[in-house]
N, C-alpha and C. Protein backbone atom coordinates (compact mmCIF):
# COMPACT_ATOMS: atom_id res chain seq x y z
N UNK A 1 -33.16 -18.19 -78.18
CA UNK A 1 -33.84 -17.00 -77.53
C UNK A 1 -33.10 -16.88 -76.18
N UNK A 2 -32.92 -17.89 -75.48
CA UNK A 2 -32.52 -17.79 -74.09
C UNK A 2 -31.14 -17.13 -74.06
N UNK A 3 -30.27 -17.49 -75.04
CA UNK A 3 -28.86 -16.90 -74.98
C UNK A 3 -28.89 -15.37 -75.42
N UNK A 4 -29.75 -15.03 -76.27
CA UNK A 4 -29.99 -13.60 -76.61
C UNK A 4 -30.39 -12.78 -75.43
N UNK A 5 -31.45 -13.31 -74.74
CA UNK A 5 -31.88 -12.63 -73.45
C UNK A 5 -30.77 -12.76 -72.31
N UNK A 6 -30.14 -13.67 -72.29
CA UNK A 6 -28.88 -13.83 -71.23
C UNK A 6 -27.92 -12.82 -71.57
N UNK A 7 -27.63 -12.65 -72.86
CA UNK A 7 -26.53 -11.67 -73.24
C UNK A 7 -27.09 -10.07 -72.96
N UNK A 8 -28.42 -10.06 -73.37
CA UNK A 8 -29.04 -8.71 -73.29
C UNK A 8 -29.22 -8.29 -71.87
N UNK A 9 -29.54 -9.18 -70.85
CA UNK A 9 -29.79 -8.92 -69.56
C UNK A 9 -28.67 -9.22 -68.65
N UNK A 10 -27.44 -9.54 -69.09
CA UNK A 10 -26.39 -9.74 -68.31
C UNK A 10 -26.10 -11.16 -67.95
N UNK A 11 -26.97 -12.13 -68.23
CA UNK A 11 -26.71 -13.57 -68.05
C UNK A 11 -26.53 -13.97 -66.58
N UNK A 12 -27.44 -13.34 -65.63
CA UNK A 12 -27.38 -13.89 -64.21
C UNK A 12 -27.70 -15.17 -64.01
N UNK A 13 -28.56 -15.79 -64.89
CA UNK A 13 -29.01 -17.22 -64.84
C UNK A 13 -27.82 -18.13 -65.12
N UNK A 14 -26.99 -17.69 -66.05
CA UNK A 14 -25.80 -18.45 -66.47
C UNK A 14 -24.90 -18.73 -65.32
N UNK A 15 -24.79 -17.67 -64.39
CA UNK A 15 -23.82 -17.94 -63.21
C UNK A 15 -24.44 -18.86 -62.24
N UNK A 16 -25.72 -18.85 -61.99
CA UNK A 16 -26.41 -20.07 -61.19
C UNK A 16 -26.12 -21.34 -61.96
N UNK A 17 -26.23 -21.34 -63.31
CA UNK A 17 -26.06 -22.68 -63.92
C UNK A 17 -24.70 -23.18 -63.68
N UNK A 18 -23.69 -22.29 -63.79
CA UNK A 18 -22.41 -22.73 -63.62
C UNK A 18 -22.09 -23.30 -62.23
N UNK A 19 -22.76 -22.46 -61.19
CA UNK A 19 -22.66 -22.98 -59.84
C UNK A 19 -23.06 -24.34 -59.63
N UNK A 20 -24.36 -24.63 -60.24
CA UNK A 20 -24.87 -26.01 -60.29
C UNK A 20 -23.88 -26.97 -61.07
N UNK A 21 -23.52 -26.46 -62.19
CA UNK A 21 -22.62 -27.37 -62.73
C UNK A 21 -21.33 -27.87 -61.93
N UNK A 22 -20.76 -26.95 -61.17
CA UNK A 22 -19.63 -27.22 -60.30
C UNK A 22 -19.92 -28.28 -59.16
N UNK A 23 -21.10 -28.05 -58.63
CA UNK A 23 -21.65 -28.93 -57.53
C UNK A 23 -22.01 -30.32 -58.22
N UNK A 24 -22.73 -30.26 -59.34
CA UNK A 24 -22.83 -31.50 -60.06
C UNK A 24 -21.75 -32.31 -60.48
N UNK A 25 -20.65 -31.58 -61.14
CA UNK A 25 -19.45 -32.24 -61.49
C UNK A 25 -18.87 -32.90 -60.19
N UNK A 26 -18.54 -32.11 -59.12
CA UNK A 26 -18.02 -32.74 -57.90
C UNK A 26 -18.67 -33.92 -57.47
N UNK A 27 -20.05 -33.75 -57.39
CA UNK A 27 -20.92 -34.84 -56.88
C UNK A 27 -20.95 -36.07 -57.73
N UNK A 28 -20.69 -35.99 -59.01
CA UNK A 28 -20.65 -37.28 -60.03
C UNK A 28 -19.40 -37.72 -59.83
N UNK A 29 -18.26 -36.97 -59.82
CA UNK A 29 -16.91 -37.74 -59.73
C UNK A 29 -16.82 -38.28 -58.45
N UNK A 30 -17.32 -37.78 -57.27
CA UNK A 30 -17.21 -38.37 -56.18
C UNK A 30 -17.95 -39.63 -56.01
N UNK A 31 -19.05 -39.61 -56.56
CA UNK A 31 -19.87 -40.89 -56.44
C UNK A 31 -19.31 -41.84 -57.24
N UNK A 32 -18.73 -41.67 -58.24
CA UNK A 32 -17.84 -42.60 -59.14
C UNK A 32 -16.85 -43.19 -58.21
N UNK A 33 -15.98 -42.33 -57.51
CA UNK A 33 -14.91 -42.81 -56.64
C UNK A 33 -15.42 -43.55 -55.51
N UNK A 34 -16.44 -43.33 -54.85
CA UNK A 34 -17.01 -43.95 -53.61
C UNK A 34 -17.64 -45.39 -54.07
N UNK A 35 -18.17 -45.42 -55.31
CA UNK A 35 -18.78 -46.57 -55.78
C UNK A 35 -17.51 -47.54 -56.15
N UNK A 36 -16.45 -47.11 -56.89
CA UNK A 36 -15.36 -47.84 -57.15
C UNK A 36 -14.50 -48.45 -55.84
N UNK A 37 -14.63 -47.62 -54.81
CA UNK A 37 -13.64 -47.89 -53.55
C UNK A 37 -14.52 -48.93 -52.68
N UNK A 38 -15.71 -49.10 -52.90
CA UNK A 38 -16.50 -49.96 -52.01
C UNK A 38 -16.57 -49.47 -50.59
N UNK A 39 -16.29 -48.23 -50.28
CA UNK A 39 -16.17 -47.70 -48.86
C UNK A 39 -17.66 -47.30 -48.58
N UNK A 40 -17.99 -47.65 -47.15
CA UNK A 40 -19.34 -47.26 -46.74
C UNK A 40 -19.35 -45.80 -46.24
N UNK A 41 -19.29 -44.88 -47.18
CA UNK A 41 -19.39 -43.50 -46.90
C UNK A 41 -20.40 -42.76 -47.82
N UNK A 42 -20.96 -41.71 -47.32
CA UNK A 42 -21.90 -40.84 -48.13
C UNK A 42 -21.26 -39.54 -48.14
N UNK A 43 -21.79 -38.48 -48.87
CA UNK A 43 -21.23 -37.04 -48.90
C UNK A 43 -22.24 -36.07 -49.28
N UNK A 44 -22.07 -34.97 -48.83
CA UNK A 44 -22.88 -33.83 -49.25
C UNK A 44 -21.99 -32.92 -50.00
N UNK A 45 -22.46 -32.28 -51.08
CA UNK A 45 -21.64 -31.16 -51.68
C UNK A 45 -22.51 -29.97 -51.64
N UNK A 46 -21.93 -28.78 -50.92
CA UNK A 46 -22.57 -27.65 -50.70
C UNK A 46 -21.97 -26.37 -51.43
N UNK A 47 -22.58 -25.61 -52.06
CA UNK A 47 -21.92 -24.41 -52.72
C UNK A 47 -22.21 -23.22 -51.61
N UNK A 48 -21.03 -22.80 -51.11
CA UNK A 48 -21.16 -21.44 -50.23
C UNK A 48 -20.80 -20.33 -51.09
N UNK A 49 -20.64 -19.24 -50.44
CA UNK A 49 -20.60 -18.04 -51.32
C UNK A 49 -19.20 -18.15 -52.06
N UNK A 50 -18.12 -18.38 -51.36
CA UNK A 50 -16.83 -18.41 -52.29
C UNK A 50 -16.06 -19.75 -52.23
N UNK A 51 -16.71 -20.76 -51.91
CA UNK A 51 -16.20 -22.07 -52.02
C UNK A 51 -17.13 -23.18 -52.05
N UNK A 52 -16.76 -24.36 -52.49
CA UNK A 52 -17.63 -25.71 -52.55
C UNK A 52 -17.05 -26.55 -51.26
N UNK A 53 -18.00 -27.10 -50.54
CA UNK A 53 -17.67 -27.78 -49.35
C UNK A 53 -18.02 -29.34 -49.66
N UNK A 54 -17.27 -30.35 -49.43
CA UNK A 54 -17.66 -31.61 -49.52
C UNK A 54 -17.62 -32.16 -48.06
N UNK A 55 -18.62 -32.70 -47.42
CA UNK A 55 -18.53 -33.29 -46.19
C UNK A 55 -18.85 -34.70 -46.22
N UNK A 56 -17.95 -35.64 -45.80
CA UNK A 56 -18.26 -37.05 -45.80
C UNK A 56 -18.75 -37.43 -44.45
N UNK A 57 -19.58 -38.61 -44.43
CA UNK A 57 -20.15 -39.26 -43.23
C UNK A 57 -20.38 -40.70 -43.64
N UNK A 58 -20.42 -41.50 -42.62
CA UNK A 58 -20.68 -42.84 -42.75
C UNK A 58 -19.83 -43.82 -41.95
N UNK A 59 -19.95 -45.08 -42.29
CA UNK A 59 -19.24 -46.07 -41.40
C UNK A 59 -17.54 -46.10 -41.58
N UNK A 60 -17.18 -45.59 -42.77
CA UNK A 60 -15.71 -45.66 -42.87
C UNK A 60 -15.08 -44.33 -42.72
N UNK A 61 -15.72 -43.52 -42.03
CA UNK A 61 -15.21 -42.11 -41.66
C UNK A 61 -13.59 -42.13 -41.14
N UNK A 62 -13.50 -43.21 -40.19
CA UNK A 62 -12.12 -43.39 -39.68
C UNK A 62 -10.97 -43.60 -40.80
N UNK A 63 -11.47 -44.20 -41.96
CA UNK A 63 -10.35 -44.28 -43.12
C UNK A 63 -9.94 -43.06 -43.68
N UNK A 64 -11.00 -42.12 -43.82
CA UNK A 64 -10.82 -40.76 -44.31
C UNK A 64 -9.82 -40.03 -43.34
N UNK A 65 -9.89 -40.14 -42.13
CA UNK A 65 -9.25 -39.19 -41.22
C UNK A 65 -7.86 -39.89 -40.68
N UNK A 66 -7.67 -41.01 -40.88
CA UNK A 66 -6.50 -41.79 -40.38
C UNK A 66 -5.31 -41.05 -41.18
N UNK A 67 -4.23 -41.45 -40.53
CA UNK A 67 -2.81 -40.92 -41.14
C UNK A 67 -2.89 -39.43 -41.60
N UNK A 68 -3.24 -38.71 -40.57
CA UNK A 68 -3.46 -37.12 -40.58
C UNK A 68 -4.30 -36.73 -41.72
N UNK A 69 -5.30 -37.53 -42.20
CA UNK A 69 -6.18 -37.02 -43.20
C UNK A 69 -5.68 -37.17 -44.65
N UNK A 70 -4.86 -37.92 -44.87
CA UNK A 70 -4.11 -38.11 -46.09
C UNK A 70 -5.29 -38.38 -47.24
N UNK A 71 -6.16 -39.27 -46.85
CA UNK A 71 -7.02 -39.60 -47.89
C UNK A 71 -8.07 -38.25 -48.22
N UNK A 72 -8.44 -37.61 -47.25
CA UNK A 72 -9.10 -36.30 -47.37
C UNK A 72 -8.25 -35.48 -48.34
N UNK A 73 -6.98 -35.23 -48.06
CA UNK A 73 -6.21 -34.44 -48.89
C UNK A 73 -6.08 -35.01 -50.37
N UNK A 74 -6.06 -36.35 -50.51
CA UNK A 74 -6.08 -36.88 -51.90
C UNK A 74 -7.26 -36.51 -52.59
N UNK A 75 -8.49 -36.71 -51.86
CA UNK A 75 -9.66 -36.37 -52.43
C UNK A 75 -9.76 -34.91 -52.97
N UNK A 76 -9.44 -34.05 -52.04
CA UNK A 76 -9.34 -32.62 -52.31
C UNK A 76 -8.43 -32.25 -53.55
N UNK A 77 -7.24 -32.84 -53.54
CA UNK A 77 -6.42 -32.63 -54.67
C UNK A 77 -6.92 -33.06 -56.00
N UNK A 78 -7.53 -34.27 -55.94
CA UNK A 78 -7.95 -34.83 -57.20
C UNK A 78 -9.16 -34.05 -57.74
N UNK A 79 -10.12 -33.66 -56.73
CA UNK A 79 -11.18 -32.87 -57.15
C UNK A 79 -10.84 -31.39 -57.62
N UNK A 80 -9.92 -30.76 -57.04
CA UNK A 80 -9.43 -29.72 -57.64
C UNK A 80 -8.91 -29.70 -59.10
N UNK A 81 -8.12 -30.67 -59.30
CA UNK A 81 -7.66 -30.93 -60.61
C UNK A 81 -8.73 -31.32 -61.68
N UNK A 82 -9.73 -31.95 -61.21
CA UNK A 82 -10.84 -32.17 -62.15
C UNK A 82 -11.51 -30.87 -62.62
N UNK A 83 -11.80 -30.01 -61.50
CA UNK A 83 -12.42 -28.72 -61.76
C UNK A 83 -11.54 -27.89 -62.65
N UNK A 84 -10.26 -27.78 -62.29
CA UNK A 84 -9.35 -27.12 -63.10
C UNK A 84 -9.28 -27.60 -64.48
N UNK A 85 -9.42 -28.81 -64.77
CA UNK A 85 -9.52 -29.40 -66.20
C UNK A 85 -10.88 -29.31 -66.79
N UNK A 86 -11.81 -29.58 -66.20
CA UNK A 86 -13.18 -29.49 -66.78
C UNK A 86 -13.85 -28.18 -66.99
N UNK A 87 -13.32 -27.18 -65.96
CA UNK A 87 -13.97 -25.85 -65.96
C UNK A 87 -12.84 -24.81 -65.64
N UNK A 88 -11.87 -24.71 -66.62
CA UNK A 88 -10.70 -23.87 -66.43
C UNK A 88 -11.12 -22.44 -66.17
N UNK A 89 -12.24 -21.82 -66.61
CA UNK A 89 -12.60 -20.53 -66.43
C UNK A 89 -13.14 -20.34 -65.09
N UNK A 90 -13.43 -21.28 -64.31
CA UNK A 90 -14.05 -21.15 -62.98
C UNK A 90 -12.84 -21.14 -61.92
N UNK A 91 -12.82 -20.23 -60.94
CA UNK A 91 -12.01 -20.28 -59.92
C UNK A 91 -12.52 -20.63 -58.62
N UNK A 92 -12.63 -21.91 -58.20
CA UNK A 92 -13.48 -22.43 -57.21
C UNK A 92 -12.47 -22.98 -56.17
N UNK A 93 -12.76 -22.56 -54.82
CA UNK A 93 -11.98 -23.03 -53.74
C UNK A 93 -12.72 -24.11 -53.28
N UNK A 94 -12.08 -25.26 -52.93
CA UNK A 94 -12.75 -26.53 -52.42
C UNK A 94 -12.25 -27.00 -51.25
N UNK A 95 -13.19 -27.33 -50.21
CA UNK A 95 -12.79 -27.80 -48.91
C UNK A 95 -13.38 -29.24 -48.74
N UNK A 96 -12.71 -30.17 -48.45
CA UNK A 96 -13.14 -31.67 -48.24
C UNK A 96 -12.93 -31.85 -46.83
N UNK A 97 -13.94 -32.37 -46.00
CA UNK A 97 -13.95 -32.63 -44.63
C UNK A 97 -14.58 -33.69 -44.29
N UNK A 98 -14.49 -34.20 -43.01
CA UNK A 98 -15.18 -35.41 -42.45
C UNK A 98 -15.25 -35.24 -40.90
N UNK A 99 -16.26 -34.92 -40.42
CA UNK A 99 -16.69 -34.77 -38.87
C UNK A 99 -15.82 -33.68 -38.25
N UNK A 100 -15.65 -32.72 -38.97
CA UNK A 100 -14.82 -31.52 -38.36
C UNK A 100 -13.48 -31.85 -38.28
N UNK A 101 -12.86 -32.75 -38.89
CA UNK A 101 -11.44 -33.06 -38.93
C UNK A 101 -10.54 -31.91 -39.22
N UNK A 102 -10.82 -31.26 -40.21
CA UNK A 102 -10.03 -30.21 -40.81
C UNK A 102 -10.00 -28.96 -39.69
N UNK A 103 -11.10 -28.68 -39.04
CA UNK A 103 -11.17 -27.56 -37.99
C UNK A 103 -10.30 -28.06 -36.70
N UNK A 104 -10.45 -29.18 -36.32
CA UNK A 104 -9.62 -29.75 -35.19
C UNK A 104 -8.14 -29.79 -35.55
N UNK A 105 -7.81 -30.17 -36.77
CA UNK A 105 -6.37 -30.28 -37.12
C UNK A 105 -5.83 -28.77 -37.27
N UNK A 106 -6.55 -27.78 -37.73
CA UNK A 106 -6.17 -26.50 -38.03
C UNK A 106 -6.04 -25.72 -36.47
N UNK A 107 -6.86 -26.26 -35.54
CA UNK A 107 -6.70 -25.66 -34.14
C UNK A 107 -5.43 -26.18 -33.62
N UNK A 108 -4.98 -27.40 -33.74
CA UNK A 108 -3.88 -27.79 -33.20
C UNK A 108 -2.64 -27.30 -33.63
N UNK A 109 -2.59 -26.99 -35.01
CA UNK A 109 -1.61 -26.32 -35.59
C UNK A 109 -1.43 -24.80 -35.16
N UNK A 110 -2.52 -24.19 -34.96
CA UNK A 110 -2.58 -22.85 -34.22
C UNK A 110 -2.02 -22.85 -32.98
N UNK A 111 -2.53 -23.86 -32.14
CA UNK A 111 -2.01 -23.99 -30.76
C UNK A 111 -0.42 -24.07 -30.66
N UNK A 112 0.18 -24.99 -31.58
CA UNK A 112 1.47 -25.23 -31.61
C UNK A 112 2.31 -23.96 -32.15
N UNK A 113 1.60 -23.22 -33.16
CA UNK A 113 2.26 -21.98 -33.72
C UNK A 113 2.38 -21.02 -32.52
N UNK A 114 1.28 -20.98 -31.76
CA UNK A 114 1.22 -19.87 -30.50
C UNK A 114 2.48 -20.27 -29.66
N UNK A 115 2.53 -21.42 -29.33
CA UNK A 115 3.56 -22.07 -28.45
C UNK A 115 5.12 -21.68 -29.01
N UNK A 116 5.25 -21.77 -30.24
CA UNK A 116 6.55 -21.51 -30.83
C UNK A 116 6.76 -20.07 -30.88
N UNK A 117 5.68 -19.40 -31.25
CA UNK A 117 5.77 -17.80 -31.16
C UNK A 117 6.13 -17.23 -29.86
N UNK A 118 5.67 -17.68 -28.89
CA UNK A 118 6.05 -17.50 -27.53
C UNK A 118 7.58 -17.62 -27.25
N UNK A 119 8.15 -18.93 -27.64
CA UNK A 119 9.34 -19.18 -27.43
C UNK A 119 10.36 -18.43 -28.31
N UNK A 120 9.94 -18.01 -29.47
CA UNK A 120 10.64 -17.11 -30.43
C UNK A 120 10.88 -15.70 -29.69
N UNK A 121 9.72 -15.22 -29.24
CA UNK A 121 9.69 -13.92 -28.64
C UNK A 121 10.49 -13.82 -27.32
N UNK A 122 10.41 -14.96 -26.54
CA UNK A 122 11.01 -14.83 -25.17
C UNK A 122 12.56 -14.91 -25.36
N UNK A 123 12.97 -15.77 -26.36
CA UNK A 123 14.39 -16.03 -26.55
C UNK A 123 15.01 -15.07 -27.49
N UNK A 124 14.15 -14.32 -28.29
CA UNK A 124 14.73 -13.41 -29.28
C UNK A 124 15.34 -14.03 -30.43
N UNK A 125 15.11 -15.36 -30.54
CA UNK A 125 15.68 -16.08 -31.84
C UNK A 125 14.70 -16.79 -32.56
N UNK A 126 15.01 -17.11 -33.72
CA UNK A 126 14.18 -17.83 -34.56
C UNK A 126 13.94 -19.30 -34.09
N UNK A 127 12.73 -19.76 -34.21
CA UNK A 127 12.36 -21.13 -34.05
C UNK A 127 11.84 -21.69 -35.34
N UNK A 128 11.68 -23.04 -35.39
CA UNK A 128 11.34 -23.70 -36.74
C UNK A 128 10.17 -24.64 -36.27
N UNK A 129 9.24 -24.58 -37.28
CA UNK A 129 8.17 -25.45 -37.29
C UNK A 129 8.60 -26.67 -38.18
N UNK A 130 7.97 -27.81 -37.77
CA UNK A 130 8.13 -29.16 -38.60
C UNK A 130 7.68 -28.85 -39.96
N UNK A 131 8.17 -29.78 -40.86
CA UNK A 131 7.79 -29.74 -42.39
C UNK A 131 6.36 -30.01 -42.54
N UNK A 132 5.65 -29.10 -43.31
CA UNK A 132 4.37 -29.19 -43.36
C UNK A 132 3.91 -29.23 -44.90
N UNK A 133 2.79 -29.67 -45.34
CA UNK A 133 2.30 -29.45 -46.74
C UNK A 133 1.77 -28.03 -46.82
N UNK A 134 1.52 -27.59 -47.99
CA UNK A 134 1.06 -26.23 -48.35
C UNK A 134 -0.18 -25.77 -47.57
N UNK A 135 -1.16 -26.54 -47.58
CA UNK A 135 -2.42 -26.27 -46.73
C UNK A 135 -2.24 -25.91 -45.41
N UNK A 136 -1.33 -26.81 -44.65
CA UNK A 136 -1.04 -26.57 -43.32
C UNK A 136 -0.18 -25.28 -43.12
N UNK A 137 0.80 -25.14 -43.90
CA UNK A 137 1.71 -23.95 -43.84
C UNK A 137 0.84 -22.68 -43.99
N UNK A 138 -0.13 -22.65 -44.96
CA UNK A 138 -1.16 -21.41 -45.02
C UNK A 138 -1.72 -21.03 -43.73
N UNK A 139 -2.16 -22.07 -43.05
CA UNK A 139 -2.98 -22.00 -41.75
C UNK A 139 -1.98 -21.21 -40.72
N UNK A 140 -0.87 -21.74 -40.55
CA UNK A 140 0.10 -21.12 -39.72
C UNK A 140 0.58 -19.83 -40.06
N UNK A 141 1.01 -19.61 -41.33
CA UNK A 141 1.36 -18.21 -41.77
C UNK A 141 0.19 -17.27 -41.61
N UNK A 142 -1.08 -17.58 -41.91
CA UNK A 142 -2.14 -16.75 -41.71
C UNK A 142 -2.21 -16.29 -40.20
N UNK A 143 -2.19 -17.32 -39.48
CA UNK A 143 -2.28 -17.01 -38.04
C UNK A 143 -1.16 -16.02 -37.40
N UNK A 144 0.07 -16.37 -37.91
CA UNK A 144 1.18 -15.59 -37.42
C UNK A 144 1.18 -14.17 -38.01
N UNK A 145 0.52 -13.99 -38.99
CA UNK A 145 0.51 -12.68 -39.83
C UNK A 145 -0.33 -11.57 -38.98
N UNK A 146 -1.25 -12.24 -38.06
CA UNK A 146 -2.11 -11.42 -37.21
C UNK A 146 -1.35 -10.73 -36.24
N UNK A 147 -0.14 -11.22 -35.85
CA UNK A 147 0.65 -10.67 -34.79
C UNK A 147 1.82 -9.97 -35.38
N UNK A 148 1.92 -8.60 -35.24
CA UNK A 148 2.95 -7.95 -35.94
C UNK A 148 4.40 -7.86 -35.22
N UNK A 149 4.40 -8.65 -34.10
CA UNK A 149 5.65 -8.97 -33.41
C UNK A 149 6.56 -9.93 -33.88
N UNK A 150 5.98 -10.84 -34.70
CA UNK A 150 6.56 -11.99 -35.44
C UNK A 150 6.50 -12.16 -36.84
N UNK A 151 7.35 -12.62 -37.43
CA UNK A 151 7.20 -13.02 -38.90
C UNK A 151 7.50 -14.56 -39.16
N UNK A 152 6.95 -15.02 -40.32
CA UNK A 152 7.12 -16.54 -40.59
C UNK A 152 7.56 -16.56 -42.14
N UNK A 153 8.35 -17.49 -42.35
CA UNK A 153 8.87 -17.80 -43.70
C UNK A 153 8.94 -19.40 -43.88
N UNK A 154 8.48 -19.76 -45.09
CA UNK A 154 8.75 -21.14 -45.54
C UNK A 154 10.23 -21.41 -45.85
N UNK A 155 10.76 -22.41 -45.42
CA UNK A 155 12.25 -22.78 -45.70
C UNK A 155 12.23 -24.27 -46.30
N UNK A 156 13.02 -24.34 -47.25
CA UNK A 156 13.15 -25.73 -48.06
C UNK A 156 12.69 -25.82 -49.41
N UNK A 157 12.85 -26.99 -50.06
CA UNK A 157 12.39 -27.35 -51.38
C UNK A 157 11.48 -28.44 -51.25
N UNK A 158 10.66 -28.45 -52.34
CA UNK A 158 9.70 -29.50 -52.43
C UNK A 158 8.16 -29.16 -51.93
N UNK A 159 7.60 -30.17 -51.80
CA UNK A 159 6.07 -29.91 -51.27
C UNK A 159 6.04 -29.65 -49.75
N UNK A 160 6.86 -30.30 -48.99
CA UNK A 160 6.81 -30.40 -47.51
C UNK A 160 7.98 -29.29 -47.18
N UNK A 161 7.59 -28.17 -46.38
CA UNK A 161 8.69 -27.28 -46.02
C UNK A 161 8.46 -26.82 -44.60
N UNK A 162 9.70 -26.58 -43.99
CA UNK A 162 9.54 -26.12 -42.63
C UNK A 162 9.17 -24.66 -42.59
N UNK A 163 8.78 -24.14 -41.53
CA UNK A 163 8.36 -22.63 -41.21
C UNK A 163 9.38 -22.09 -40.21
N UNK A 164 9.99 -21.03 -40.56
CA UNK A 164 10.85 -20.31 -39.64
C UNK A 164 10.03 -19.17 -38.97
N UNK A 165 9.97 -19.20 -37.66
CA UNK A 165 9.25 -18.08 -37.12
C UNK A 165 10.32 -17.31 -36.30
N UNK A 166 10.29 -15.89 -36.39
CA UNK A 166 11.32 -15.13 -35.91
C UNK A 166 10.67 -13.84 -35.55
N UNK A 167 11.22 -13.11 -34.38
CA UNK A 167 10.82 -11.98 -33.93
C UNK A 167 11.08 -10.84 -34.83
N UNK A 168 10.24 -9.86 -35.05
CA UNK A 168 10.55 -8.71 -35.58
C UNK A 168 11.41 -7.74 -34.85
N UNK A 169 12.54 -7.25 -35.56
CA UNK A 169 13.39 -6.36 -34.89
C UNK A 169 12.73 -5.03 -34.82
N UNK A 170 12.73 -4.40 -33.67
CA UNK A 170 12.22 -3.13 -33.42
C UNK A 170 13.18 -1.88 -33.85
N UNK A 171 12.84 -1.46 -34.87
CA UNK A 171 13.44 -0.12 -35.28
C UNK A 171 13.06 1.19 -34.44
N UNK A 172 11.92 0.94 -33.81
CA UNK A 172 11.40 2.13 -33.07
C UNK A 172 12.26 2.28 -31.91
N UNK A 173 13.05 1.36 -31.18
CA UNK A 173 13.81 1.80 -30.13
C UNK A 173 15.00 2.59 -30.62
N UNK A 174 15.42 2.38 -31.67
CA UNK A 174 16.67 3.20 -32.19
C UNK A 174 16.14 4.69 -32.41
N UNK A 175 14.96 4.70 -33.07
CA UNK A 175 14.37 6.03 -33.36
C UNK A 175 14.16 6.87 -32.12
N UNK A 176 13.75 6.19 -31.06
CA UNK A 176 13.41 6.86 -29.83
C UNK A 176 14.74 7.34 -29.20
N UNK A 177 15.90 6.52 -29.40
CA UNK A 177 17.05 6.90 -28.81
C UNK A 177 17.69 8.28 -29.63
N UNK A 178 17.44 8.28 -30.93
CA UNK A 178 17.75 9.50 -31.72
C UNK A 178 17.04 10.73 -31.30
N UNK A 179 15.66 10.53 -31.04
CA UNK A 179 14.93 11.49 -30.75
C UNK A 179 15.13 12.16 -29.35
N UNK A 180 15.69 11.35 -28.45
CA UNK A 180 16.06 11.79 -27.11
C UNK A 180 17.41 12.49 -27.02
N UNK A 181 18.26 12.11 -28.04
CA UNK A 181 19.60 12.64 -27.99
C UNK A 181 19.52 14.11 -28.30
N UNK A 182 20.55 14.95 -27.77
CA UNK A 182 20.53 16.35 -27.88
C UNK A 182 20.88 16.66 -29.42
N UNK A 183 20.02 17.76 -29.87
CA UNK A 183 20.15 18.15 -31.36
C UNK A 183 21.64 18.62 -31.50
N UNK A 184 22.05 18.21 -32.71
CA UNK A 184 23.40 18.58 -33.20
C UNK A 184 23.46 20.13 -33.62
N UNK A 185 24.39 20.90 -33.32
CA UNK A 185 24.56 22.22 -33.60
C UNK A 185 25.65 22.55 -34.55
């Protein structure tokens, strides 16, 4: 009877059940990993509007954030793969963080991108950002895309790629010259 009413009325309750299933799946998988690792950490799994956030806390927070957050990245990648395998129809963004580590890391990337953007604009030549993983490159590209005076492009092969930041050539100066020139008769 429930499936008939769900089909008849659009199944809005099934969406809520799927959201709960995603949170429960992430929570169960993480609890198993934490139990096996014997780390003294706890976590909260929260479903926001367009993503699921996992926030770690506890005595072993430093292990999660050391080495530029590689363990956080590993958890995030593993959980994303589990979700893709267990729930292929669900398109869920996942964020794994500990004590605001992601936000501070993103801010330092943005600060460095701003510095390199200024250098590229003042010299009028391209500058290069160090090799970064995809998540960090996305932060830099999105930040630089807000400024129409520069462009950015990933350079290289493999997972870690450099970012080329270069000033946009102004075609408006040539069109200004053409419009001020005397008309040809």
